[in-house]
PDB file of N, CA and C in Angstrom:
ATOM      1  N   MET A   1     -17.376   0.078   4.360  1.00  0.00           N
ATOM      2  CA  MET A   1     -16.711   0.708   5.476  1.00  0.00           C
ATOM      3  C   MET A   1     -15.485   1.456   4.960  1.00  0.00           C
ATOM      4  N   ILE A   2     -15.213   2.608   5.567  1.00  0.00           N
ATOM      5  CA  ILE A   2     -14.026   3.388   5.232  1.00  0.00           C
ATOM      6  C   ILE A   2     -13.138   3.439   6.468  1.00  0.00           C
ATOM      7  N   ALA A   3     -11.859   3.168   6.266  1.00  0.00           N
ATOM      8  CA  ALA A   3     -10.912   3.175   7.381  1.00  0.00           C
ATOM      9  C   ALA A   3      -9.645   3.912   6.960  1.00  0.00           C
ATOM     10  N   CYS A   4      -8.952   4.445   7.954  1.00  0.00           N
ATOM     11  CA  CYS A   4      -7.704   5.160   7.720  1.00  0.00           C
ATOM     12  C   CYS A   4      -6.647   4.655   8.689  1.00  0.00           C
ATOM     13  N   ALA A   5      -5.405   4.757   8.262  1.00  0.00           N
ATOM     14  CA  ALA A   5      -4.283   4.453   9.147  1.00  0.00           C
ATOM     15  C   ALA A   5      -3.115   5.316   8.705  1.00  0.00           C
ATOM     16  N   LYS A   6      -2.321   5.728   9.658  1.00  0.00           N
ATOM     17  CA  LYS A   6      -1.074   6.414   9.316  1.00  0.00           C
ATOM     18  C   LYS A   6      -0.008   5.928  10.273  1.00  0.00           C
ATOM     19  N   GLN A   7       1.207   5.888   9.741  1.00  0.00           N
ATOM     20  CA  GLN A   7       2.284   5.313  10.505  1.00  0.00           C
ATOM     21  C   GLN A   7       3.617   5.856   9.997  1.00  0.00           C
ATOM     22  N   LYS A   8       4.513   6.136  10.917  1.00  0.00           N
ATOM     23  CA  LYS A   8       5.879   6.443  10.529  1.00  0.00           C
ATOM     24  C   LYS A   8       6.578   5.094  10.414  1.00  0.00           C
ATOM     25  N   VAL A   9       6.928   4.729   9.202  1.00  0.00           N
ATOM     26  CA  VAL A   9       7.473   3.402   8.940  1.00  0.00           C
ATOM     27  C   VAL A   9       8.951   3.332   9.328  1.00  0.00           C
ATOM     28  N   ARG A  10       9.471   2.114   9.413  1.00  0.00           N
ATOM     29  CA  ARG A  10      10.851   1.948   9.892  1.00  0.00           C
ATOM     30  C   ARG A  10      11.882   2.603   8.986  1.00  0.00           C
ATOM     31  N   GLU A  11      11.516   2.831   7.711  1.00  0.00           N
ATOM     32  CA  GLU A  11      12.429   3.538   6.800  1.00  0.00           C
ATOM     33  C   GLU A  11      12.443   5.038   7.065  1.00  0.00           C
ATOM     34  N   GLY A  12      11.564   5.501   7.965  1.00  0.00           N
ATOM     35  CA  GLY A  12      11.609   6.879   8.414  1.00  0.00           C
ATOM     36  C   GLY A  12      10.561   7.825   7.864  1.00  0.00           C
ATOM     37  N   LYS A  13       9.750   7.381   6.934  1.00  0.00           N
ATOM     38  CA  LYS A  13       8.768   8.274   6.324  1.00  0.00           C
ATOM     39  C   LYS A  13       7.366   8.003   6.854  1.00  0.00           C
ATOM     40  N   LEU A  14       6.505   9.015   6.721  1.00  0.00           N
ATOM     41  CA  LEU A  14       5.116   8.896   7.144  1.00  0.00           C
ATOM     42  C   LEU A  14       4.284   8.371   5.974  1.00  0.00           C
ATOM     43  N   VAL A  15       3.450   7.369   6.242  1.00  0.00           N
ATOM     44  CA  VAL A  15       2.572   6.790   5.228  1.00  0.00           C
ATOM     45  C   VAL A  15       1.147   6.860   5.753  1.00  0.00           C
ATOM     46  N   LYS A  16       0.242   7.346   4.901  1.00  0.00           N
ATOM     47  CA  LYS A  16      -1.178   7.414   5.241  1.00  0.00           C
ATOM     48  C   LYS A  16      -1.956   6.583   4.231  1.00  0.00           C
ATOM     49  N   VAL A  17      -2.930   5.845   4.734  1.00  0.00           N
ATOM     50  CA  VAL A  17      -3.750   4.988   3.887  1.00  0.00           C
ATOM     51  C   VAL A  17      -5.216   5.259   4.198  1.00  0.00           C
ATOM     52  N   GLU A  18      -5.998   5.460   3.152  1.00  0.00           N
ATOM     53  CA  GLU A  18      -7.452   5.522   3.285  1.00  0.00           C
ATOM     54  C   GLU A  18      -8.002   4.399   2.418  1.00  0.00           C
ATOM     55  N   ILE A  19      -8.842   3.576   3.016  1.00  0.00           N
ATOM     56  CA  ILE A  19      -9.293   2.374   2.334  1.00  0.00           C
ATOM     57  C   ILE A  19     -10.795   2.199   2.506  1.00  0.00           C
ATOM     58  N   GLU A  20     -11.455   1.835   1.421  1.00  0.00           N
ATOM     59  CA  GLU A  20     -12.880   1.529   1.464  1.00  0.00           C
ATOM     60  C   GLU A  20     -13.025   0.043   1.156  1.00  0.00           C
ATOM     61  N   TYR A  21     -13.771  -0.652   1.999  1.00  0.00           N
ATOM     62  CA  TYR A  21     -13.902  -2.090   1.812  1.00  0.00           C
ATOM     63  C   TYR A  21     -15.208  -2.610   2.387  1.00  0.00           C
ATOM     64  N   ASP A  22     -15.593  -3.791   1.908  1.00  0.00           N
ATOM     65  CA  ASP A  22     -16.629  -4.589   2.553  1.00  0.00           C
ATOM     66  C   ASP A  22     -15.995  -5.968   2.717  1.00  0.00           C
ATOM     67  N   GLU A  23     -16.368  -6.939   1.907  1.00  0.00           N
ATOM     68  CA  GLU A  23     -15.676  -8.238   1.956  1.00  0.00           C
ATOM     69  C   GLU A  23     -14.352  -8.185   1.204  1.00  0.00           C
ATOM     70  N   SER A  24     -14.245  -7.215   0.298  1.00  0.00           N
ATOM     71  CA  SER A  24     -12.995  -7.016  -0.430  1.00  0.00           C
ATOM     72  C   SER A  24     -12.685  -5.516  -0.478  1.00  0.00           C
ATOM     73  N   ILE A  25     -11.472  -5.200  -0.877  1.00  0.00           N
ATOM     74  CA  ILE A  25     -11.025  -3.813  -0.945  1.00  0.00           C
ATOM     75  C   ILE A  25     -11.626  -3.167  -2.193  1.00  0.00           C
ATOM     76  N   LYS A  26     -12.338  -2.064  -1.996  1.00  0.00           N
ATOM     77  CA  LYS A  26     -13.020  -1.366  -3.084  1.00  0.00           C
ATOM     78  C   LYS A  26     -12.232  -0.164  -3.599  1.00  0.00           C
ATOM     79  N   LYS A  27     -11.606   0.579  -2.685  1.00  0.00           N
ATOM     80  CA  LYS A  27     -10.823   1.773  -3.033  1.00  0.00           C
ATOM     81  C   LYS A  27      -9.647   1.854  -2.085  1.00  0.00           C
ATOM     82  N   LEU A  28      -8.544   2.394  -2.591  1.00  0.00           N
ATOM     83  CA  LEU A  28      -7.349   2.563  -1.779  1.00  0.00           C
ATOM     84  C   LEU A  28      -6.636   3.828  -2.209  1.00  0.00           C
ATOM     85  N   LYS A  29      -6.269   4.648  -1.242  1.00  0.00           N
ATOM     86  CA  LYS A  29      -5.484   5.852  -1.515  1.00  0.00           C
ATOM     87  C   LYS A  29      -4.302   5.860  -0.558  1.00  0.00           C
ATOM     88  N   ILE A  30      -3.095   5.906  -1.099  1.00  0.00           N
ATOM     89  CA  ILE A  30      -1.866   5.923  -0.311  1.00  0.00           C
ATOM     90  C   ILE A  30      -1.200   7.275  -0.516  1.00  0.00           C
ATOM     91  N   THR A  31      -0.886   7.942   0.594  1.00  0.00           N
ATOM     92  CA  THR A  31      -0.162   9.211   0.540  1.00  0.00           C
ATOM     93  C   THR A  31       0.925   9.199   1.613  1.00  0.00           C
ATOM     94  N   GLY A  32       1.768  10.198   1.585  1.00  0.00           N
ATOM     95  CA  GLY A  32       2.812  10.303   2.598  1.00  0.00           C
ATOM     96  C   GLY A  32       3.979  11.126   2.110  1.00  0.00           C
ATOM     97  N   ASP A  33       5.042  11.150   2.923  1.00  0.00           N
ATOM     98  CA  ASP A  33       6.206  11.958   2.567  1.00  0.00           C
ATOM     99  C   ASP A  33       7.347  11.113   2.009  1.00  0.00           C
ATOM    100  N   PHE A  34       7.015   9.976   1.439  1.00  0.00           N
ATOM    101  CA  PHE A  34       7.991   9.114   0.784  1.00  0.00           C
ATOM    102  C   PHE A  34       8.081   9.489  -0.696  1.00  0.00           C
ATOM    103  N   PHE A  35       9.041   8.896  -1.395  1.00  0.00           N
ATOM    104  CA  PHE A  35       9.237   9.167  -2.815  1.00  0.00           C
ATOM    105  C   PHE A  35       9.156   7.867  -3.604  1.00  0.00           C
ATOM    106  N   MET A  36       8.599   7.974  -4.796  1.00  0.00           N
ATOM    107  CA  MET A  36       8.485   6.822  -5.669  1.00  0.00           C
ATOM    108  C   MET A  36       8.695   7.301  -7.106  1.00  0.00           C
ATOM    109  N   TYR A  37       9.516   6.571  -7.841  1.00  0.00           N
ATOM    110  CA  TYR A  37       9.761   6.910  -9.237  1.00  0.00           C
ATOM    111  C   TYR A  37       9.623   5.652 -10.076  1.00  0.00           C
ATOM    112  N   PRO A  38       8.860   5.692 -11.148  1.00  0.00           N
ATOM    113  CA  PRO A  38       8.026   6.804 -11.604  1.00  0.00           C
ATOM    114  C   PRO A  38       6.842   7.022 -10.667  1.00  0.00           C
ATOM    115  N   GLU A  39       6.418   8.272 -10.580  1.00  0.00           N
ATOM    116  CA  GLU A  39       5.372   8.660  -9.632  1.00  0.00           C
ATOM    117  C   GLU A  39       4.048   7.937  -9.880  1.00  0.00           C
ATOM    118  N   ASP A  40       3.730   7.652 -11.145  1.00  0.00           N
ATOM    119  CA  ASP A  40       2.459   7.005 -11.440  1.00  0.00           C
ATOM    120  C   ASP A  40       2.441   5.529 -11.029  1.00  0.00           C
ATOM    121  N   ALA A  41       3.554   5.009 -10.573  1.00  0.00           N
ATOM    122  CA  ALA A  41       3.590   3.626 -10.078  1.00  0.00           C
ATOM    123  C   ALA A  41       2.717   3.474  -8.831  1.00  0.00           C
ATOM    124  N   LEU A  42       2.583   4.531  -8.057  1.00  0.00           N
ATOM    125  CA  LEU A  42       1.754   4.467  -6.854  1.00  0.00           C
ATOM    126  C   LEU A  42       0.299   4.157  -7.229  1.00  0.00           C
ATOM    127  N   GLU A  43      -0.176   4.748  -8.296  1.00  0.00           N
ATOM    128  CA  GLU A  43      -1.542   4.487  -8.754  1.00  0.00           C
ATOM    129  C   GLU A  43      -1.696   3.019  -9.172  1.00  0.00           C
ATOM    130  N   ARG A  44      -0.692   2.477  -9.827  1.00  0.00           N
ATOM    131  CA  ARG A  44      -0.753   1.064 -10.229  1.00  0.00           C
ATOM    132  C   ARG A  44      -0.685   0.139  -9.015  1.00  0.00           C
ATOM    133  N   ILE A  45       0.073   0.525  -8.008  1.00  0.00           N
ATOM    134  CA  ILE A  45       0.122  -0.256  -6.765  1.00  0.00           C
ATOM    135  C   ILE A  45      -1.255  -0.254  -6.112  1.00  0.00           C
ATOM    136  N   GLU A  46      -1.879   0.920  -6.030  1.00  0.00           N
ATOM    137  CA  GLU A  46      -3.222   1.002  -5.446  1.00  0.00           C
ATOM    138  C   GLU A  46      -4.193   0.102  -6.203  1.00  0.00           C
ATOM    139  N   LYS A  47      -4.140   0.145  -7.530  1.00  0.00           N
ATOM    140  CA  LYS A  47      -5.057  -0.651  -8.350  1.00  0.00           C
ATOM    141  C   LYS A  47      -4.830  -2.146  -8.173  1.00  0.00           C
ATOM    142  N   THR A  48      -3.599  -2.557  -7.947  1.00  0.00           N
ATOM    143  CA  THR A  48      -3.319  -3.987  -7.794  1.00  0.00           C
ATOM    144  C   THR A  48      -3.813  -4.528  -6.447  1.00  0.00           C
ATOM    145  N   ILE A  49      -3.964  -3.643  -5.463  1.00  0.00           N
ATOM    146  CA  ILE A  49      -4.469  -4.049  -4.139  1.00  0.00           C
ATOM    147  C   ILE A  49      -6.003  -4.102  -4.137  1.00  0.00           C
ATOM    148  N   VAL A  50      -6.629  -3.218  -4.919  1.00  0.00           N
ATOM    149  CA  VAL A  50      -8.096  -3.217  -5.005  1.00  0.00           C
ATOM    150  C   VAL A  50      -8.559  -4.580  -5.525  1.00  0.00           C
ATOM    151  N   GLY A  51      -9.551  -5.133  -4.851  1.00  0.00           N
ATOM    152  CA  GLY A  51     -10.071  -6.438  -5.232  1.00  0.00           C
ATOM    153  C   GLY A  51      -9.630  -7.558  -4.297  1.00  0.00           C
ATOM    154  N   LEU A  52      -8.542  -7.317  -3.543  1.00  0.00           N
ATOM    155  CA  LEU A  52      -8.117  -8.325  -2.570  1.00  0.00           C
ATOM    156  C   LEU A  52      -9.167  -8.453  -1.471  1.00  0.00           C
ATOM    157  N   LYS A  53      -9.272  -9.621  -0.889  1.00  0.00           N
ATOM    158  CA  LYS A  53     -10.172  -9.830   0.250  1.00  0.00           C
ATOM    159  C   LYS A  53      -9.707  -8.984   1.427  1.00  0.00           C
ATOM    160  N   LYS A  54     -10.654  -8.530   2.246  1.00  0.00           N
ATOM    161  CA  LYS A  54     -10.309  -7.669   3.378  1.00  0.00           C
ATOM    162  C   LYS A  54      -9.413  -8.380   4.392  1.00  0.00           C
ATOM    163  N   ASP A  55      -9.432  -9.712   4.410  1.00  0.00           N
ATOM    164  CA  ASP A  55      -8.589 -10.441   5.349  1.00  0.00           C
ATOM    165  C   ASP A  55      -7.293 -10.952   4.714  1.00  0.00           C
ATOM    166  N   ALA A  56      -6.916 -10.378   3.562  1.00  0.00           N
ATOM    167  CA  ALA A  56      -5.655 -10.752   2.921  1.00  0.00           C
ATOM    168  C   ALA A  56      -4.507 -10.489   3.891  1.00  0.00           C
ATOM    169  N   GLY A  57      -3.575 -11.403   3.943  1.00  0.00           N
ATOM    170  CA  GLY A  57      -2.442 -11.274   4.852  1.00  0.00           C
ATOM    171  C   GLY A  57      -1.425 -10.257   4.382  1.00  0.00           C
ATOM    172  N   MET A  58      -0.567  -9.855   5.305  1.00  0.00           N
ATOM    173  CA  MET A  58       0.456  -8.875   4.988  1.00  0.00           C
ATOM    174  C   MET A  58       1.367  -9.362   3.862  1.00  0.00           C
ATOM    175  N   GLU A  59       1.714 -10.639   3.864  1.00  0.00           N
ATOM    176  CA  GLU A  59       2.601 -11.175   2.825  1.00  0.00           C
ATOM    177  C   GLU A  59       1.931 -11.133   1.450  1.00  0.00           C
ATOM    178  N   THR A  60       0.643 -11.397   1.385  1.00  0.00           N
ATOM    179  CA  THR A  60      -0.089 -11.328   0.119  1.00  0.00           C
ATOM    180  C   THR A  60      -0.081  -9.906  -0.422  1.00  0.00           C
ATOM    181  N   ILE A  61      -0.345  -8.949   0.452  1.00  0.00           N
ATOM    182  CA  ILE A  61      -0.355  -7.538   0.052  1.00  0.00           C
ATOM    183  C   ILE A  61       1.044  -7.106  -0.387  1.00  0.00           C
ATOM    184  N   ALA A  62       2.059  -7.443   0.407  1.00  0.00           N
ATOM    185  CA  ALA A  62       3.444  -7.075   0.075  1.00  0.00           C
ATOM    186  C   ALA A  62       3.874  -7.707  -1.249  1.00  0.00           C
ATOM    187  N   SER A  63       3.445  -8.934  -1.505  1.00  0.00           N
ATOM    188  CA  SER A  63       3.784  -9.627  -2.747  1.00  0.00           C
ATOM    189  C   SER A  63       3.204  -8.899  -3.957  1.00  0.00           C
ATOM    190  N   LYS A  64       1.966  -8.434  -3.833  1.00  0.00           N
ATOM    191  CA  LYS A  64       1.336  -7.669  -4.923  1.00  0.00           C
ATOM    192  C   LYS A  64       2.120  -6.382  -5.193  1.00  0.00           C
ATOM    193  N   ILE A  65       2.529  -5.706  -4.116  1.00  0.00           N
ATOM    194  CA  ILE A  65       3.294  -4.468  -4.258  1.00  0.00           C
ATOM    195  C   ILE A  65       4.651  -4.760  -4.894  1.00  0.00           C
ATOM    196  N   ARG A  66       5.336  -5.800  -4.401  1.00  0.00           N
ATOM    197  CA  ARG A  66       6.649  -6.161  -4.953  1.00  0.00           C
ATOM    198  C   ARG A  66       6.568  -6.506  -6.432  1.00  0.00           C
ATOM    199  N   SER A  67       5.473  -7.129  -6.864  1.00  0.00           N
ATOM    200  CA  SER A  67       5.354  -7.489  -8.278  1.00  0.00           C
ATOM    201  C   SER A  67       5.359  -6.238  -9.162  1.00  0.00           C
ATOM    202  N   ILE A  68       4.656  -5.197  -8.744  1.00  0.00           N
ATOM    203  CA  ILE A  68       4.661  -3.938  -9.506  1.00  0.00           C
ATOM    204  C   ILE A  68       6.050  -3.312  -9.468  1.00  0.00           C
ATOM    205  N   VAL A  69       6.664  -3.291  -8.295  1.00  0.00           N
ATOM    206  CA  VAL A  69       7.992  -2.694  -8.127  1.00  0.00           C
ATOM    207  C   VAL A  69       9.007  -3.391  -9.032  1.00  0.00           C
ATOM    208  N   GLU A  70       8.973  -4.703  -9.070  1.00  0.00           N
ATOM    209  CA  GLU A  70       9.945  -5.458  -9.871  1.00  0.00           C
ATOM    210  C   GLU A  70       9.665  -5.350 -11.359  1.00  0.00           C
ATOM    211  N   ILE A  71       8.423  -5.536 -11.762  1.00  0.00           N
ATOM    212  CA  ILE A  71       8.076  -5.510 -13.188  1.00  0.00           C
ATOM    213  C   ILE A  71       8.363  -4.147 -13.807  1.00  0.00           C
ATOM    214  N   GLU A  72       8.063  -3.084 -13.059  1.00  0.00           N
ATOM    215  CA  GLU A  72       8.199  -1.736 -13.605  1.00  0.00           C
ATOM    216  C   GLU A  72       9.453  -1.012 -13.143  1.00  0.00           C
ATOM    217  N   ASP A  73      10.339  -1.729 -12.446  1.00  0.00           N
ATOM    218  CA  ASP A  73      11.597  -1.157 -11.951  1.00  0.00           C
ATOM    219  C   ASP A  73      11.358   0.146 -11.177  1.00  0.00           C
ATOM    220  N   VAL A  74      10.439   0.084 -10.229  1.00  0.00           N
ATOM    221  CA  VAL A  74      10.059   1.244  -9.427  1.00  0.00           C
ATOM    222  C   VAL A  74      11.106   1.488  -8.347  1.00  0.00           C
ATOM    223  N   GLN A  75      11.497   2.720  -8.194  1.00  0.00           N
ATOM    224  CA  GLN A  75      12.417   3.115  -7.129  1.00  0.00           C
ATOM    225  C   GLN A  75      11.593   3.660  -5.967  1.00  0.00           C
ATOM    226  N   MET A  76      11.739   3.054  -4.806  1.00  0.00           N
ATOM    227  CA  MET A  76      11.005   3.491  -3.617  1.00  0.00           C
ATOM    228  C   MET A  76      12.025   4.029  -2.615  1.00  0.00           C
ATOM    229  N   ILE A  77      11.829   5.281  -2.191  1.00  0.00           N
ATOM    230  CA  ILE A  77      12.749   5.923  -1.264  1.00  0.00           C
ATOM    231  C   ILE A  77      11.990   6.272   0.001  1.00  0.00           C
ATOM    232  N   GLY A  78      12.439   5.712   1.116  1.00  0.00           N
ATOM    233  CA  GLY A  78      11.804   5.990   2.396  1.00  0.00           C
ATOM    234  C   GLY A  78      10.623   5.096   2.697  1.00  0.00           C
ATOM    235  N   ILE A  79      10.459   4.035   1.923  1.00  0.00           N
ATOM    236  CA  ILE A  79       9.322   3.126   2.068  1.00  0.00           C
ATOM    237  C   ILE A  79       9.714   1.782   1.456  1.00  0.00           C
ATOM    238  N   SER A  80       9.050   0.745   1.874  1.00  0.00           N
ATOM    239  CA  SER A  80       9.252  -0.580   1.279  1.00  0.00           C
ATOM    240  C   SER A  80       7.884  -1.224   1.048  1.00  0.00           C
ATOM    241  N   ALA A  81       7.871  -2.287   0.281  1.00  0.00           N
ATOM    242  CA  ALA A  81       6.626  -3.019   0.037  1.00  0.00           C
ATOM    243  C   ALA A  81       6.052  -3.524   1.359  1.00  0.00           C
ATOM    244  N   GLU A  82       6.915  -4.003   2.234  1.00  0.00           N
ATOM    245  CA  GLU A  82       6.470  -4.527   3.521  1.00  0.00           C
ATOM    246  C   GLU A  82       5.883  -3.431   4.402  1.00  0.00           C
ATOM    247  N   SER A  83       6.480  -2.249   4.379  1.00  0.00           N
ATOM    248  CA  SER A  83       5.968  -1.131   5.174  1.00  0.00           C
ATOM    249  C   SER A  83       4.595  -0.688   4.678  1.00  0.00           C
ATOM    250  N   LEU A  84       4.444  -0.604   3.364  1.00  0.00           N
ATOM    251  CA  LEU A  84       3.141  -0.246   2.796  1.00  0.00           C
ATOM    252  C   LEU A  84       2.096  -1.296   3.180  1.00  0.00           C
ATOM    253  N   ALA A  85       2.465  -2.562   3.052  1.00  0.00           N
ATOM    254  CA  ALA A  85       1.543  -3.641   3.399  1.00  0.00           C
ATOM    255  C   ALA A  85       1.133  -3.568   4.874  1.00  0.00           C
ATOM    256  N   ARG A  86       2.068  -3.224   5.739  1.00  0.00           N
ATOM    257  CA  ARG A  86       1.790  -3.137   7.178  1.00  0.00           C
ATOM    258  C   ARG A  86       0.747  -2.054   7.463  1.00  0.00           C
ATOM    259  N   VAL A  87       0.871  -0.896   6.810  1.00  0.00           N
ATOM    260  CA  VAL A  87      -0.073   0.208   7.036  1.00  0.00           C
ATOM    261  C   VAL A  87      -1.445  -0.154   6.452  1.00  0.00           C
ATOM    262  N   ILE A  88      -1.464  -0.776   5.288  1.00  0.00           N
ATOM    263  CA  ILE A  88      -2.733  -1.220   4.683  1.00  0.00           C
ATOM    264  C   ILE A  88      -3.416  -2.220   5.609  1.00  0.00           C
ATOM    265  N   ARG A  89      -2.655  -3.180   6.099  1.00  0.00           N
ATOM    266  CA  ARG A  89      -3.207  -4.205   7.007  1.00  0.00           C
ATOM    267  C   ARG A  89      -3.742  -3.560   8.283  1.00  0.00           C
ATOM    268  N   GLU A  90      -3.037  -2.548   8.804  1.00  0.00           N
ATOM    269  CA  GLU A  90      -3.488  -1.840   9.996  1.00  0.00           C
ATOM    270  C   GLU A  90      -4.837  -1.165   9.748  1.00  0.00           C
ATOM    271  N   ALA A  91      -4.982  -0.543   8.577  1.00  0.00           N
ATOM    272  CA  ALA A  91      -6.252   0.121   8.251  1.00  0.00           C
ATOM    273  C   ALA A  91      -7.399  -0.881   8.158  1.00  0.00           C
ATOM    274  N   LEU A  92      -7.092  -2.091   7.701  1.00  0.00           N
ATOM    275  CA  LEU A  92      -8.122  -3.116   7.575  1.00  0.00           C
ATOM    276  C   LEU A  92      -8.477  -3.764   8.914  1.00  0.00           C
ATOM    277  N   GLY A  93      -7.690  -3.476   9.941  1.00  0.00           N
ATOM    278  CA  GLY A  93      -8.002  -3.974  11.278  1.00  0.00           C
ATOM    279  C   GLY A  93      -7.424  -5.284  11.646  1.00  0.00           C
TER     280      GLY A  93
END
């Protein structure tokens, strides 16, 4: 199944998520008008979410995102790990 969600997050930026899943997440694409440095960190965040069960909770998803942010000292402007997790969870239903 392929699902999409978009949301203006509380930090003020628009986030769009396209996700392919069955029992687990197969593909994930995150776009929007937020900023992330280094830019390639977004790809690593997407890869760390792929493989999670489709019913993974928001805290589990946010924790995976935070681990990449902390380990790689990623700067996120206009977005947070929790906001990204919320949009991903919305796309999963």
